[in-house]
Protein backbone atom coordinates (compact mmCIF):
# COMPACT_ATOMS: atom_id res chain seq x y z
CA UNK A 1 118.77 91.57 -5.90
CA UNK A 2 118.34 87.89 -6.72
CA UNK A 3 120.66 87.35 -9.70
CA UNK A 4 120.34 84.00 -11.48
CA UNK A 5 123.18 82.09 -13.08
CA UNK A 6 122.41 79.55 -15.81
CA UNK A 7 124.49 76.39 -16.20
CA UNK A 8 124.62 73.91 -19.05
CA UNK A 9 126.32 70.55 -19.16
CA UNK A 10 129.75 70.32 -20.81
CA UNK A 11 130.02 67.92 -23.75
CA UNK A 12 132.30 65.53 -21.82
CA UNK A 13 130.43 65.69 -18.48
CA UNK A 14 127.96 63.13 -17.22
CA UNK A 15 124.77 64.23 -15.48
CA UNK A 16 125.99 63.76 -11.92
CA UNK A 17 129.35 65.43 -12.60
CA UNK A 18 127.39 68.40 -13.94
CA UNK A 19 125.21 68.71 -10.83
CA UNK A 20 128.25 68.29 -8.53
CA UNK A 21 130.09 71.03 -10.42
CA UNK A 22 127.15 73.41 -10.11
CA UNK A 23 126.78 72.70 -6.39
CA UNK A 24 130.52 73.03 -5.76
CA UNK A 25 130.50 76.52 -7.29
CA UNK A 26 127.99 77.74 -4.70
CA UNK A 27 129.03 79.35 -1.42
CA UNK A 28 126.33 77.51 0.57
CA UNK A 29 126.68 73.93 -0.72
CA UNK A 30 125.23 71.83 2.07
CA UNK A 31 121.51 72.62 1.54
CA UNK A 32 121.98 71.74 -2.14
CA UNK A 33 123.51 68.26 -1.70
CA UNK A 34 120.03 66.65 -1.80
CA UNK A 35 119.68 67.87 -5.40
CA UNK A 36 122.59 65.63 -6.37
CA UNK A 37 120.85 62.59 -4.86
CA UNK A 38 117.51 63.44 -6.49
CA UNK A 39 119.20 63.88 -9.87
CA UNK A 40 120.79 60.46 -9.44
CA UNK A 41 117.34 58.96 -8.81
CA UNK A 42 115.82 60.71 -11.83
CA UNK A 43 118.62 59.72 -14.20
CA UNK A 44 118.48 56.15 -12.86
CA UNK A 45 114.76 56.04 -13.64
CA UNK A 46 115.53 57.00 -17.25
CA UNK A 47 117.55 53.77 -17.56
CA UNK A 48 120.14 55.13 -19.97
CA UNK A 49 117.80 57.14 -22.19
CA UNK A 50 119.34 60.44 -23.26
CA UNK A 51 118.16 63.60 -21.61
CA UNK A 52 118.98 67.30 -21.53
CA UNK A 53 119.93 68.77 -18.18
CA UNK A 54 120.44 72.37 -17.11
CA UNK A 55 120.50 74.33 -13.86
CA UNK A 56 119.67 77.81 -12.65
CA UNK A 57 121.04 79.05 -9.34
CA UNK A 58 120.40 82.24 -7.41
CA UNK A 59 121.01 83.31 -3.81
CA UNK A 60 117.60 81.87 -2.93
CA UNK A 61 117.31 78.60 -4.87
CA UNK A 62 118.70 76.00 -7.22
CA UNK A 63 116.61 74.49 -10.00
CA UNK A 64 117.70 71.51 -12.06
CA UNK A 65 115.66 70.82 -15.20
CA UNK A 66 115.77 67.43 -16.89
CA UNK A 67 114.04 66.97 -20.26
CA UNK A 68 113.61 63.57 -21.85
CA UNK A 69 111.56 61.62 -24.36
CA UNK A 70 109.91 58.24 -24.07
CA UNK A 71 108.23 56.55 -21.16
CA UNK A 72 107.63 58.83 -18.15
CA UNK A 73 109.37 58.41 -14.82
CA UNK A 74 107.30 56.37 -12.36
CA UNK A 75 104.99 58.82 -10.55
CA UNK A 76 105.82 57.18 -7.19
CA UNK A 77 109.47 58.10 -7.69
CA UNK A 78 108.46 61.67 -8.51
CA UNK A 79 106.47 61.75 -5.25
CA UNK A 80 109.49 60.45 -3.31
CA UNK A 81 111.67 63.16 -4.88
CA UNK A 82 109.07 65.77 -3.96
CA UNK A 83 109.08 64.60 -0.35
CA UNK A 84 112.80 65.32 -0.06
CA UNK A 85 113.11 68.82 -1.45
CA UNK A 86 111.17 72.07 -1.70
CA UNK A 87 109.43 71.51 -5.03
CA UNK A 88 109.30 68.96 -7.84
CA UNK A 89 107.31 69.55 -11.00
CA UNK A 90 106.99 66.82 -13.64
CA UNK A 91 104.83 67.31 -16.69
CA UNK A 92 104.51 66.40 -20.37
CA UNK A 93 106.09 68.75 -22.88
CA UNK A 94 104.29 67.69 -26.03
CA UNK A 95 104.41 64.42 -27.93
CA UNK A 96 106.49 61.89 -26.02
CA UNK A 97 108.52 64.60 -24.21
CA UNK A 98 108.72 65.22 -20.45
CA UNK A 99 110.18 67.88 -18.19
CA UNK A 100 111.24 67.39 -14.56
CA UNK A 101 112.17 70.41 -12.43
CA UNK A 102 113.77 69.85 -9.03
CA UNK A 103 113.96 72.99 -6.86
CA UNK A 104 115.86 73.41 -3.61
CA UNK A 105 115.44 76.66 -1.70
CA UNK A 106 118.51 78.01 0.07
CA UNK A 107 117.59 79.13 3.56
CA UNK A 108 118.80 82.59 4.54
CA UNK A 109 121.66 82.73 7.00
CA UNK A 110 120.54 83.62 10.50
CA UNK A 111 122.88 85.05 13.06
CA UNK A 112 121.98 84.10 16.60
CA UNK A 113 123.45 85.36 19.79
CA UNK A 114 124.17 83.14 22.71
CA UNK A 115 123.79 84.61 26.16
C-alpha cells in the first residue's frame, strides 16, 4: 500500500530547511535531492515574497507544493525545473494566486545478480 505522509513547515524553519528535513526523513534520499535544488530555484524566483510550502511523501514519490501571490514565476524557469524532475505543474489559483507542484518519483529498488 502506498501510504502518504504530509509535512508542513515549522514556524521557525525557512523553505530550504523544510525541504531538507523532509528529504532527510526518507529512507531513499538520493533521488529526492533534486527537489531541494528546484525548491531553491522557485523560492529564488519569488524574490522574497512570502509563500506557503508543504510536502507529501509516499514510497513512490515526493511532491512539494508552493503557493504564492503576486507576479508569476518566469515560465522559462518553470520549464527548466520540469526538465530536471518527473513532473512540474504551475497554474493560477484564482485572483493573483499561483500554485507550483514539483514531483519526484522514487524508482523502485531493483536487485540484480552478477554472474
